[in-house]
Amino acid sequence: MRLLTAAEQRELDRLAASAGLPTRVLMENAGAAVARAVAALQPRKVVVFCGPGNNGGDGSVAARLLSPSFEVYTWYTSKNLKGDAAEAAKGWTGEHADRGIHGGPGVVVVDAVFGSGLSRPPEGAEAEAIRSMNAARERGAQVVAVDVPSGIDSDTGAVYPVHLAKADVTVTFHAPKRGLYLHPGADCAGRIVVEPIGIPRALEEKLDQPACDSIDEEWARDHLAPRPRNSHKNDYGHVLVVAGSPGKSGAAAMVCEGALRAGAGLVTLAARPEVLNGLMPEVMTVALEGGGPLGLKDLEPLKAALKGKSALAVGPGIARGPETAALIGALLAQAESTVVDADALNALAESREQIAPWVRAAPSPPVFTPHPGEFARLTGEETERVLADRVDAAVKAAQRFGAHIVLKGAHSVVADPDGTSAICANGNPGMATAGAGDVLTGIAAAVLARRGGAGGTGDRARLAVFLHAFAGDLAAEKLSETALIATDIARVGLPLAFRRFKA
């Protein structure tokens, strides 16, 4: 499902009106959807906070539709309503709230103050309304937000100083807004309900900007095929892992296990001899002699090791030296497909201007999997700027380097060189643990390595991100978020995920 910006939603509204579906009709449909969500909570009292724009108009419609069945009050932040919002308000003939009757158990508060178009800090009556809704929730009221919780930037998930702290339910229209899935705004959204309001899906094809999609379980099911009964291990690819160093052999082990648990047919680890002990018995090894950081002296043995391999995973736990970046650049040109993570990214960051030429020489665009700190080093941007608009930052980096970018974090972002992107809504705080990224590197390598199957590198990067996050959720359900460790994602979560998908 496409995730919309505020500008894209406005353009869809305009296109719908041109197709004979006026915004007043859309407002009625939106208000009806909100009314259904509120009624499902079985309130004894409903208080609808309506702002001056069309979001407030949606609230007026919901109040009107709820009033025959519930005790309903409205609180308008402005008397100067215009257009469709004014027309919708005329249809409300019930009581207006005063400041003493909302809040407490059994009360549902409807946040219809601001929608997706907010571009300024809330102030005045709107800020007072937001504070009142937060106070009502603290006293036990449930909150239903209309389209986007007020005070949230619908494009980036940024929050203004005054914002709705938490909705229990957000009813969003036609398609979700990006900010509902990007933190910190995602923390405010609660359960997200997507309601159609009559806008034809075909109109999305007329939008100019590259799409940003959601990666969810339904999407993953369409990209995971069951294994044929007569399949062979070579059908699922052979991953070469270049990872680990003295003191960091665990990173190599977790990449290998992630790849095997994600379905790779064969996995070989190339590392210094002291890293090769204690691995899973299923992992084959190549000893890189000579000691010290990885450098150009390791190129020939690694080129030999890459023969017959369908994917390369490089970076977790490696020791860096002055030649490490050049080695990785040369390996990109040799591997069928590559996942680059951790210290391989940090090495590339030291030769930033060479990254794009090295990527262009690769048989297929590699997948870079940085966390925000690694991303900042790779691009030269401030971490704060990266976190302020993660989709935009990831897309620009993908276009700059010609690589697929997985910007890791709560709700990871995947961006492609063509400008398209996606956000994964799965994952949990328990995955903020040492080695979780190493497991993702292994999963991504396994998905890239598979012979045949649907999707190019971008789709496979998305699938890897989803499998990692979904496996983390399943493992946390079984073990708890606090007790979750990285190997649980591979050993507990991935088997549960694949069993669920019958894959």
Protein backbone atom coordinates (compact mmCIF):
# COMPACT_ATOMS: atom_id res chain seq x y z
CA MET A 1 0.00 0.00 0.00
CA ARG A 2 1.28 3.43 -0.89
CA LEU A 3 2.14 5.81 1.95
CA LEU A 4 1.18 9.36 1.10
CA THR A 5 2.67 12.77 1.73
CA ALA A 6 0.38 15.70 2.46
CA ALA A 7 1.00 17.04 -1.04
CA GLU A 8 0.08 13.70 -2.60
CA GLN A 9 -3.14 13.54 -0.59
CA ARG A 10 -4.08 17.04 -1.74
CA GLU A 11 -3.38 16.08 -5.33
CA LEU A 12 -5.54 12.96 -5.00
CA ASP A 13 -8.37 15.08 -3.60
CA ARG A 14 -8.00 17.42 -6.58
CA LEU A 15 -7.97 14.56 -9.06
CA ALA A 16 -11.01 13.02 -7.40
CA ALA A 17 -12.89 16.31 -7.66
CA SER A 18 -11.96 16.53 -11.35
CA ALA A 19 -13.36 13.03 -11.78
CA GLY A 20 -16.69 14.09 -10.31
CA LEU A 21 -16.13 13.23 -6.66
CA PRO A 22 -16.29 16.54 -4.72
CA THR A 23 -14.49 17.03 -1.42
CA ARG A 24 -17.82 17.40 0.39
CA VAL A 25 -18.64 13.79 -0.51
CA LEU A 26 -15.19 12.68 0.62
CA MET A 27 -15.79 14.51 3.90
CA GLU A 28 -19.06 12.68 4.48
CA ASN A 29 -17.36 9.35 3.82
CA ALA A 30 -14.46 10.23 6.11
CA GLY A 31 -16.75 11.34 8.90
CA ALA A 32 -18.74 8.13 8.59
CA ALA A 33 -15.54 6.10 8.91
CA VAL A 34 -14.61 7.99 12.07
CA ALA A 35 -18.09 7.48 13.49
CA ARG A 36 -17.79 3.71 12.96
CA ALA A 37 -14.45 3.61 14.76
CA VAL A 38 -15.85 5.59 17.70
CA ALA A 39 -19.01 3.49 17.94
CA ALA A 40 -16.91 0.31 18.05
CA LEU A 41 -15.43 1.58 21.34
CA GLN A 42 -18.95 1.68 22.87
CA PRO A 43 -18.60 5.04 24.63
CA ARG A 44 -21.01 6.55 27.10
CA LYS A 45 -19.97 10.03 25.95
CA VAL A 46 -18.17 11.45 22.90
CA VAL A 47 -16.39 14.80 22.68
CA VAL A 48 -15.28 15.89 19.20
CA PHE A 49 -12.59 18.57 18.93
CA CYS A 50 -12.90 20.26 15.53
CA GLY A 51 -10.26 22.46 13.97
CA PRO A 52 -10.84 25.14 11.32
CA GLY A 53 -10.05 23.03 8.24
CA ASN A 54 -11.40 19.97 6.48
CA ASN A 55 -10.18 17.72 9.31
CA GLY A 56 -12.58 19.59 11.55
CA GLY A 57 -15.26 19.08 8.90
CA ASP A 58 -14.70 15.33 9.16
CA GLY A 59 -15.21 15.69 12.91
CA SER A 60 -18.47 17.59 12.44
CA VAL A 61 -19.82 14.82 10.21
CA ALA A 62 -18.79 12.17 12.75
CA ALA A 63 -20.51 14.10 15.56
CA ARG A 64 -23.73 14.35 13.54
CA LEU A 65 -23.74 10.65 12.71
CA LEU A 66 -22.98 9.60 16.28
CA SER A 67 -25.53 11.84 17.96
CA PRO A 68 -28.60 9.59 17.53
CA SER A 69 -26.90 6.80 19.49
CA PHE A 70 -24.55 8.52 21.93
CA GLU A 71 -24.18 11.60 24.10
CA VAL A 72 -22.10 13.81 21.85
CA TYR A 73 -20.48 17.21 22.34
CA THR A 74 -18.30 19.29 20.06
CA TRP A 75 -15.56 21.81 20.74
CA TYR A 76 -14.72 24.11 17.80
CA THR A 77 -11.38 25.89 17.94
CA SER A 78 -12.56 28.59 15.54
CA LYS A 79 -15.81 30.33 14.64
CA ASN A 80 -14.49 31.34 11.23
CA LEU A 81 -15.10 28.15 9.31
CA LYS A 82 -15.08 28.18 5.52
CA GLY A 83 -16.04 26.00 2.60
CA ASP A 84 -16.86 22.36 3.20
CA ALA A 85 -15.89 22.58 6.88
CA ALA A 86 -18.49 25.32 7.38
CA GLU A 87 -21.14 23.29 5.56
CA ALA A 88 -20.39 20.23 7.67
CA ALA A 89 -20.58 22.30 10.87
CA LYS A 90 -24.05 23.57 9.89
CA GLY A 91 -25.25 19.99 9.98
CA TRP A 92 -24.37 19.74 13.66
CA THR A 93 -27.22 20.90 15.83
CA GLY A 94 -26.13 19.34 19.11
CA GLU A 95 -24.38 20.78 22.16
CA HIS A 96 -20.96 22.34 22.38
CA ALA A 97 -18.57 21.20 25.07
CA ASP A 98 -17.42 23.31 27.92
CA ARG A 99 -14.09 22.74 29.56
CA GLY A 100 -15.39 20.61 32.40
CA ILE A 101 -17.20 17.68 30.85
CA HIS A 102 -14.61 15.66 28.91
CA GLY A 103 -12.30 12.97 30.17
CA GLY A 104 -12.52 9.81 32.23
CA PRO A 105 -13.41 6.17 31.56
CA GLY A 106 -16.19 5.64 29.05
CA VAL A 107 -15.41 8.88 27.22
CA VAL A 108 -14.10 8.88 23.67
CA VAL A 109 -12.34 12.03 22.50
CA VAL A 110 -12.12 12.63 18.75
CA ASP A 111 -9.08 14.58 17.56
CA ALA A 112 -10.23 16.41 14.43
CA VAL A 113 -8.14 19.52 15.03
CA PHE A 114 -5.42 19.17 12.37
CA GLY A 115 -5.05 16.71 9.52
CA SER A 116 -2.22 15.86 7.18
CA GLY A 117 -1.60 19.42 6.04
CA LEU A 118 -0.18 20.86 9.27
CA SER A 119 2.92 22.95 8.54
CA ARG A 120 3.18 25.17 11.61
CA PRO A 121 3.35 24.69 15.37
CA PRO A 122 -0.13 24.53 16.93
CA GLU A 123 -0.93 27.61 18.96
CA GLY A 124 -3.85 29.43 20.51
CA ALA A 125 -7.15 27.56 20.61
CA GLU A 126 -5.73 24.60 18.68
CA ALA A 127 -2.89 24.15 21.17
CA GLU A 128 -5.38 24.40 24.03
CA ALA A 129 -7.52 21.72 22.41
CA ILE A 130 -4.54 19.39 22.08
CA ARG A 131 -3.59 19.90 25.71
CA SER A 132 -7.20 19.22 26.74
CA MET A 133 -7.27 15.97 24.76
CA ASN A 134 -4.03 14.83 26.36
CA ALA A 135 -5.45 15.64 29.80
CA ALA A 136 -8.63 13.71 28.98
CA ARG A 137 -6.63 10.64 28.03
CA GLU A 138 -4.64 10.85 31.26
CA ARG A 139 -7.98 10.71 33.08
CA GLY A 140 -8.98 7.54 31.24
CA ALA A 141 -10.62 8.72 28.01
CA GLN A 142 -9.86 6.94 24.75
CA VAL A 143 -8.70 9.04 21.80
CA VAL A 144 -9.57 8.56 18.13
CA ALA A 145 -7.44 10.69 15.80
CA VAL A 146 -8.75 11.76 12.40
CA ASP A 147 -6.26 11.01 9.59
CA VAL A 148 -3.16 12.07 11.59
CA PRO A 149 -2.83 12.89 15.31
CA SER A 150 -2.71 16.66 15.70
CA GLY A 151 0.74 18.17 15.98
CA ILE A 152 2.43 15.41 13.94
CA ASP A 153 4.17 16.15 10.64
CA SER A 154 2.40 13.74 8.32
CA ASP A 155 5.41 13.46 5.99
CA THR A 156 8.27 12.89 8.44
CA GLY A 157 6.72 11.81 11.73
CA ALA A 158 8.28 14.82 13.49
CA VAL A 159 6.30 16.22 16.40
CA TYR A 160 5.69 19.85 17.22
CA PRO A 161 6.20 21.03 20.82
CA VAL A 162 2.43 20.78 21.32
CA HIS A 163 1.09 17.53 19.91
CA LEU A 164 -1.31 14.73 20.69
CA ALA A 165 0.71 12.46 22.94
CA LYS A 166 -1.13 9.26 22.07
CA ALA A 167 -4.17 8.18 20.11
CA ASP A 168 -5.72 4.82 20.81
CA VAL A 169 -6.90 4.63 17.20
CA THR A 170 -6.00 6.70 14.15
CA VAL A 171 -8.50 6.52 11.30
CA THR A 172 -6.64 7.51 8.14
CA PHE A 173 -8.28 7.87 4.74
CA HIS A 174 -7.63 6.16 1.40
CA ALA A 175 -4.01 5.35 2.29
CA PRO A 176 -1.81 5.88 5.35
CA LYS A 177 0.35 8.94 5.71
CA ARG A 178 4.10 8.42 6.02
CA GLY A 179 4.34 10.14 9.39
CA LEU A 180 2.15 7.46 10.96
CA TYR A 181 4.98 4.97 10.46
CA LEU A 182 7.98 7.21 11.17
CA HIS A 183 9.09 7.89 14.72
CA PRO A 184 8.42 9.78 16.90
CA GLY A 185 5.03 10.31 15.25
CA ALA A 186 4.46 6.56 15.03
CA ASP A 187 4.40 6.43 18.84
CA CYS A 188 1.42 8.79 18.81
CA ALA A 189 -0.72 6.95 16.26
CA GLY A 190 -1.91 3.91 18.21
CA ARG A 191 -3.76 1.34 16.11
CA ILE A 192 -3.97 2.52 12.51
CA VAL A 193 -7.19 1.90 10.59
CA VAL A 194 -7.14 2.64 6.85
CA GLU A 195 -10.58 3.50 5.48
CA PRO A 196 -11.52 3.99 1.80
CA ILE A 197 -13.53 7.15 1.17
CA GLY A 198 -14.25 6.73 -2.54
CA ILE A 199 -11.00 7.88 -4.17
CA PRO A 200 -10.19 5.42 -7.00
CA ARG A 201 -6.84 3.64 -6.54
CA ALA A 202 -6.10 4.24 -10.20
CA LEU A 203 -5.63 7.95 -9.48
CA GLU A 204 -2.41 7.14 -7.61
CA GLU A 205 -0.83 6.36 -10.98
CA LYS A 206 -1.15 10.05 -11.86
CA LEU A 207 0.99 11.18 -8.93
CA ASP A 208 4.34 12.57 -10.05
CA GLN A 209 6.59 11.59 -7.16
CA PRO A 210 8.12 8.10 -6.78
CA ALA A 211 6.06 5.95 -4.47
CA CYS A 212 6.80 5.20 -0.83
CA ASP A 213 5.11 1.93 0.10
CA SER A 214 4.45 0.01 3.30
CA ILE A 215 6.09 -3.37 3.81
CA ASP A 216 3.66 -5.58 5.67
CA GLU A 217 2.67 -9.20 6.09
CA GLU A 218 0.32 -9.20 3.11
CA TRP A 219 3.08 -7.86 0.87
CA ALA A 220 5.55 -10.44 2.18
CA ARG A 221 3.18 -13.32 1.50
CA ASP A 222 3.06 -12.29 -2.14
CA HIS A 223 6.87 -12.43 -2.32
CA LEU A 224 7.48 -15.69 -0.48
CA ALA A 225 6.97 -18.86 -2.50
CA PRO A 226 6.86 -22.34 -0.95
CA ARG A 227 9.81 -24.58 -1.70
CA PRO A 228 9.20 -27.10 -4.50
CA ARG A 229 9.32 -30.70 -3.31
CA ASN A 230 12.15 -31.51 -5.73
CA SER A 231 14.32 -28.48 -4.91
CA HIS A 232 18.09 -28.64 -4.41
CA LYS A 233 20.34 -26.63 -2.08
CA ASN A 234 21.86 -24.89 -5.10
CA ASP A 235 18.42 -23.48 -5.92
CA TYR A 236 18.71 -21.35 -2.79
CA GLY A 237 22.11 -19.91 -3.48
CA HIS A 238 25.55 -19.90 -1.91
CA VAL A 239 26.47 -16.95 0.34
CA LEU A 240 30.04 -15.89 0.96
CA VAL A 241 30.33 -14.07 4.29
CA VAL A 242 33.32 -11.82 4.94
CA ALA A 243 33.00 -10.89 8.58
CA GLY A 244 34.59 -11.11 11.99
CA SER A 245 37.99 -10.40 13.49
CA PRO A 246 39.74 -11.35 16.72
CA GLY A 247 37.34 -10.46 19.52
CA LYS A 248 34.42 -10.11 17.09
CA SER A 249 33.96 -13.65 15.85
CA GLY A 250 30.38 -13.56 17.10
CA ALA A 251 29.47 -11.06 14.38
CA ALA A 252 30.56 -13.53 11.72
CA ALA A 253 28.66 -16.34 13.42
CA MET A 254 25.43 -14.34 13.53
CA VAL A 255 25.64 -13.36 9.85
CA CYS A 256 26.14 -17.01 8.92
CA GLU A 257 23.29 -18.23 11.10
CA GLY A 258 20.98 -15.48 9.81
CA ALA A 259 21.71 -16.54 6.24
CA LEU A 260 21.15 -20.24 6.92
CA ARG A 261 17.96 -19.70 8.92
CA ALA A 262 16.66 -17.42 6.14
CA GLY A 263 16.99 -20.25 3.65
CA ALA A 264 20.40 -19.98 2.00
CA GLY A 265 21.39 -23.31 0.50
CA LEU A 266 25.07 -22.95 1.36
CA VAL A 267 27.12 -20.52 3.45
CA THR A 268 30.90 -20.06 3.48
CA LEU A 269 32.73 -17.76 5.89
CA ALA A 270 36.01 -16.14 4.81
CA ALA A 271 37.94 -14.70 7.75
CA ARG A 272 41.23 -14.79 9.64
CA PRO A 273 41.94 -18.30 10.96
CA GLU A 274 41.27 -17.39 14.61
CA VAL A 275 37.69 -16.38 13.71
CA LEU A 276 36.78 -19.72 12.19
CA ASN A 277 36.39 -21.74 15.39
CA GLY A 278 33.09 -22.58 17.04
CA LEU A 279 30.82 -21.98 14.03
CA MET A 280 27.68 -23.87 13.17
CA PRO A 281 28.68 -27.18 11.58
CA GLU A 282 26.71 -26.22 8.45
CA VAL A 283 29.11 -23.33 7.70
CA MET A 284 32.08 -23.88 5.38
CA THR A 285 35.21 -21.79 5.83
CA VAL A 286 38.01 -20.08 3.93
CA ALA A 287 41.01 -18.96 5.97
CA LEU A 288 42.40 -15.55 5.06
CA GLU A 289 46.02 -15.78 6.11
CA GLY A 290 48.33 -12.94 7.01
CA GLY A 291 46.61 -11.29 9.94
CA GLY A 292 45.75 -7.64 10.47
CA PRO A 293 43.00 -5.56 8.87
CA LEU A 294 41.45 -6.65 5.59
CA GLY A 295 43.24 -5.13 2.62
CA LEU A 296 44.28 -5.65 -0.96
CA LYS A 297 46.43 -8.64 0.00
CA ASP A 298 43.13 -10.45 0.62
CA LEU A 299 41.68 -9.65 -2.81
CA GLU A 300 42.90 -12.68 -4.74
CA PRO A 301 41.84 -15.28 -2.16
CA LEU A 302 38.45 -13.57 -1.87
CA LYS A 303 38.03 -13.44 -5.65
CA ALA A 304 38.69 -17.18 -5.68
CA ALA A 305 36.23 -17.70 -2.82
CA LEU A 306 33.54 -15.77 -4.72
CA LYS A 307 33.53 -18.26 -7.60
CA GLY A 308 30.19 -20.04 -7.62
CA LYS A 309 28.72 -17.78 -4.95
CA SER A 310 25.45 -15.97 -5.66
CA ALA A 311 25.73 -13.35 -2.89
CA LEU A 312 28.36 -11.66 -0.75
CA ALA A 313 27.79 -10.34 2.77
CA VAL A 314 30.64 -8.14 3.97
CA GLY A 315 31.31 -5.95 6.97
CA PRO A 316 30.15 -7.07 10.42
CA GLY A 317 33.05 -7.25 12.81
CA ILE A 318 35.85 -6.82 10.26
CA ALA A 319 39.07 -5.02 11.11
CA ARG A 320 39.59 -1.90 8.99
CA GLY A 321 42.81 -0.58 7.56
CA PRO A 322 43.92 1.92 4.92
CA GLU A 323 43.20 -0.54 2.08
CA THR A 324 39.86 -1.92 3.30
CA ALA A 325 37.74 0.47 1.23
CA ALA A 326 39.63 -0.38 -1.96
CA LEU A 327 39.20 -4.09 -1.22
CA ILE A 328 35.44 -3.70 -0.79
CA GLY A 329 35.21 -1.62 -3.95
CA ALA A 330 37.01 -4.37 -5.88
CA LEU A 331 34.77 -7.07 -4.38
CA LEU A 332 31.64 -5.20 -5.47
CA ALA A 333 32.76 -5.66 -9.07
CA GLN A 334 33.23 -9.41 -8.54
CA ALA A 335 30.08 -10.45 -6.65
CA GLU A 336 26.72 -11.25 -8.29
CA SER A 337 24.97 -9.39 -5.47
CA THR A 338 26.27 -7.82 -2.27
CA VAL A 339 25.12 -6.73 1.17
CA VAL A 340 27.42 -4.16 2.78
CA ASP A 341 27.13 -3.48 6.51
CA ALA A 342 28.89 -2.21 9.60
CA ASP A 343 32.65 -1.67 9.29
CA ALA A 344 32.55 -2.21 5.53
CA LEU A 345 30.32 0.87 5.39
CA ASN A 346 32.65 2.75 7.71
CA ALA A 347 35.55 1.83 5.45
CA LEU A 348 33.69 3.08 2.38
CA ALA A 349 32.93 6.32 4.23
CA GLU A 350 36.66 7.03 4.25
CA SER A 351 36.62 7.03 0.42
CA ARG A 352 33.19 8.60 -0.04
CA GLU A 353 33.77 9.99 -3.53
CA GLN A 354 34.74 6.56 -4.83
CA ILE A 355 31.57 4.81 -3.69
CA ALA A 356 29.44 5.64 -6.75
CA PRO A 357 32.12 4.54 -9.27
CA TRP A 358 32.65 1.29 -7.36
CA VAL A 359 28.90 0.67 -7.29
CA ARG A 360 28.57 1.33 -11.03
CA ALA A 361 31.10 -1.43 -11.69
CA ALA A 362 29.02 -3.99 -9.77
CA PRO A 363 26.92 -6.55 -11.71
CA SER A 364 23.88 -5.43 -9.71
CA PRO A 365 23.34 -2.53 -7.29
CA PRO A 366 24.47 -3.55 -3.79
CA VAL A 367 22.41 -3.24 -0.63
CA PHE A 368 23.84 -0.95 2.07
CA THR A 369 22.40 -1.50 5.56
CA PRO A 370 23.55 1.39 7.79
CA HIS A 371 22.17 2.46 11.12
CA PRO A 372 21.85 6.27 11.47
CA GLY A 373 25.40 6.74 12.73
CA GLU A 374 26.90 4.71 9.89
CA PHE A 375 24.63 6.50 7.45
CA ALA A 376 25.89 9.88 8.68
CA ARG A 377 29.49 8.79 8.24
CA LEU A 378 28.74 7.37 4.80
CA THR A 379 27.02 10.49 3.51
CA GLY A 380 28.74 13.20 5.55
CA GLU A 381 25.40 14.44 6.89
CA GLU A 382 24.58 15.25 10.49
CA THR A 383 22.76 12.43 12.27
CA GLU A 384 20.07 14.88 13.38
CA ARG A 385 19.36 15.79 9.75
CA VAL A 386 19.10 12.12 8.83
CA LEU A 387 16.63 11.42 11.62
CA ALA A 388 14.58 14.52 10.80
CA ASP A 389 13.43 13.03 7.47
CA ARG A 390 14.55 9.44 7.15
CA VAL A 391 12.77 8.73 3.87
CA ASP A 392 14.20 11.77 2.13
CA ALA A 393 17.69 11.08 3.48
CA ALA A 394 17.62 7.44 2.39
CA VAL A 395 16.28 8.25 -1.08
CA LYS A 396 18.93 10.89 -1.71
CA ALA A 397 21.69 8.51 -0.60
CA ALA A 398 20.36 5.72 -2.83
CA GLN A 399 20.34 8.06 -5.82
CA ARG A 400 23.76 9.48 -4.95
CA PHE A 401 25.51 6.11 -4.65
CA GLY A 402 23.35 4.03 -7.00
CA ALA A 403 22.78 1.49 -4.22
CA HIS A 404 19.75 0.22 -2.36
CA ILE A 405 19.77 1.75 1.12
CA VAL A 406 18.31 0.12 4.21
CA LEU A 407 18.30 2.84 6.88
CA LYS A 408 17.89 0.74 9.99
CA GLY A 409 16.01 1.75 13.11
CA ALA A 410 12.51 1.68 14.52
CA HIS A 411 10.49 1.15 11.33
CA SER A 412 13.39 0.75 8.90
CA VAL A 413 13.34 2.61 5.59
CA VAL A 414 14.36 1.02 2.28
CA ALA A 415 15.23 3.32 -0.64
CA ASP A 416 16.10 2.52 -4.24
CA PRO A 417 18.24 4.36 -6.81
CA ASP A 418 15.12 5.17 -8.86
CA GLY A 419 13.68 7.22 -5.99
CA THR A 420 11.10 4.72 -4.75
CA SER A 421 11.08 3.79 -1.07
CA ALA A 422 9.29 1.76 1.56
CA ILE A 423 8.78 1.70 5.32
CA CYS A 424 8.54 -1.45 7.43
CA ALA A 425 6.01 -1.10 10.22
CA ASN A 426 7.18 -4.22 12.08
CA GLY A 427 9.89 -4.50 14.70
CA ASN A 428 10.07 -3.81 18.43
CA PRO A 429 12.37 -2.23 21.05
CA GLY A 430 13.76 -5.63 22.02
CA MET A 431 15.62 -5.65 18.72
CA ALA A 432 17.81 -2.80 19.95
CA THR A 433 20.42 -5.33 20.99
CA ALA A 434 23.94 -6.26 19.98
CA GLY A 435 24.10 -8.32 16.81
CA ALA A 436 20.58 -7.70 15.50
CA GLY A 437 22.03 -5.91 12.47
CA ASP A 438 24.39 -8.81 11.81
CA VAL A 439 21.41 -11.16 11.62
CA LEU A 440 19.75 -8.78 9.13
CA THR A 441 22.89 -8.87 6.98
CA GLY A 442 22.67 -12.64 6.84
CA ILE A 443 18.97 -12.61 6.04
CA ALA A 444 19.48 -10.07 3.26
CA ALA A 445 22.31 -12.13 1.76
CA ALA A 446 20.14 -15.26 1.79
CA VAL A 447 17.26 -13.50 0.07
CA LEU A 448 19.58 -12.02 -2.57
CA ALA A 449 21.34 -15.35 -3.11
CA ARG A 450 18.25 -17.35 -4.00
CA ARG A 451 18.16 -18.46 -7.61
CA GLY A 452 14.95 -17.47 -9.36
CA GLY A 453 11.94 -16.19 -7.49
CA ALA A 454 10.06 -12.93 -7.85
CA GLY A 455 11.45 -9.46 -7.48
CA GLY A 456 14.64 -7.58 -8.17
CA THR A 457 17.18 -6.36 -5.64
CA GLY A 458 14.87 -3.66 -4.26
CA ASP A 459 12.03 -6.09 -3.56
CA ARG A 460 14.46 -8.56 -2.02
CA ALA A 461 15.90 -5.90 0.25
CA ARG A 462 12.36 -5.09 1.38
CA LEU A 463 11.61 -8.76 1.99
CA ALA A 464 14.76 -9.16 4.07
CA VAL A 465 13.87 -6.14 6.19
CA PHE A 466 10.37 -7.47 6.76
CA LEU A 467 11.52 -10.99 7.64
CA HIS A 468 14.01 -9.59 10.15
CA ALA A 469 11.46 -7.28 11.81
CA PHE A 470 8.64 -9.83 11.76
CA ALA A 471 10.90 -12.54 13.17
CA GLY A 472 11.89 -10.11 15.91
CA ASP A 473 8.23 -9.53 16.75
CA LEU A 474 7.46 -13.25 16.87
CA ALA A 475 10.50 -13.94 19.04
CA ALA A 476 9.55 -11.10 21.39
CA GLU A 477 6.03 -12.51 21.73
CA LYS A 478 7.54 -15.78 22.86
CA LEU A 479 10.42 -14.51 24.99
CA SER A 480 9.60 -10.84 25.84
CA GLU A 481 11.22 -7.72 24.42
CA THR A 482 13.63 -7.29 27.34
CA ALA A 483 14.98 -10.85 27.15
CA LEU A 484 15.33 -10.83 23.36
CA ILE A 485 18.85 -11.28 21.98
CA ALA A 486 19.99 -11.26 18.38
CA THR A 487 20.30 -15.01 17.95
CA ASP A 488 16.66 -15.35 19.06
CA ILE A 489 15.66 -13.50 15.88
CA ALA A 490 17.34 -16.21 13.81
CA ARG A 491 16.67 -19.26 15.97
CA VAL A 492 13.19 -18.52 17.30
CA GLY A 493 11.63 -15.82 15.14
CA LEU A 494 12.59 -16.93 11.63
CA PRO A 495 11.32 -20.52 12.05
CA LEU A 496 8.03 -19.17 13.40
CA ALA A 497 7.78 -16.71 10.51
CA PHE A 498 8.41 -19.29 7.81
CA ARG A 499 6.02 -21.74 9.45
CA ARG A 500 3.36 -19.03 9.43
CA PHE A 501 4.00 -18.37 5.74
CA LYS A 502 4.25 -22.10 4.93
CA ALA A 503 7.53 -21.30 3.18
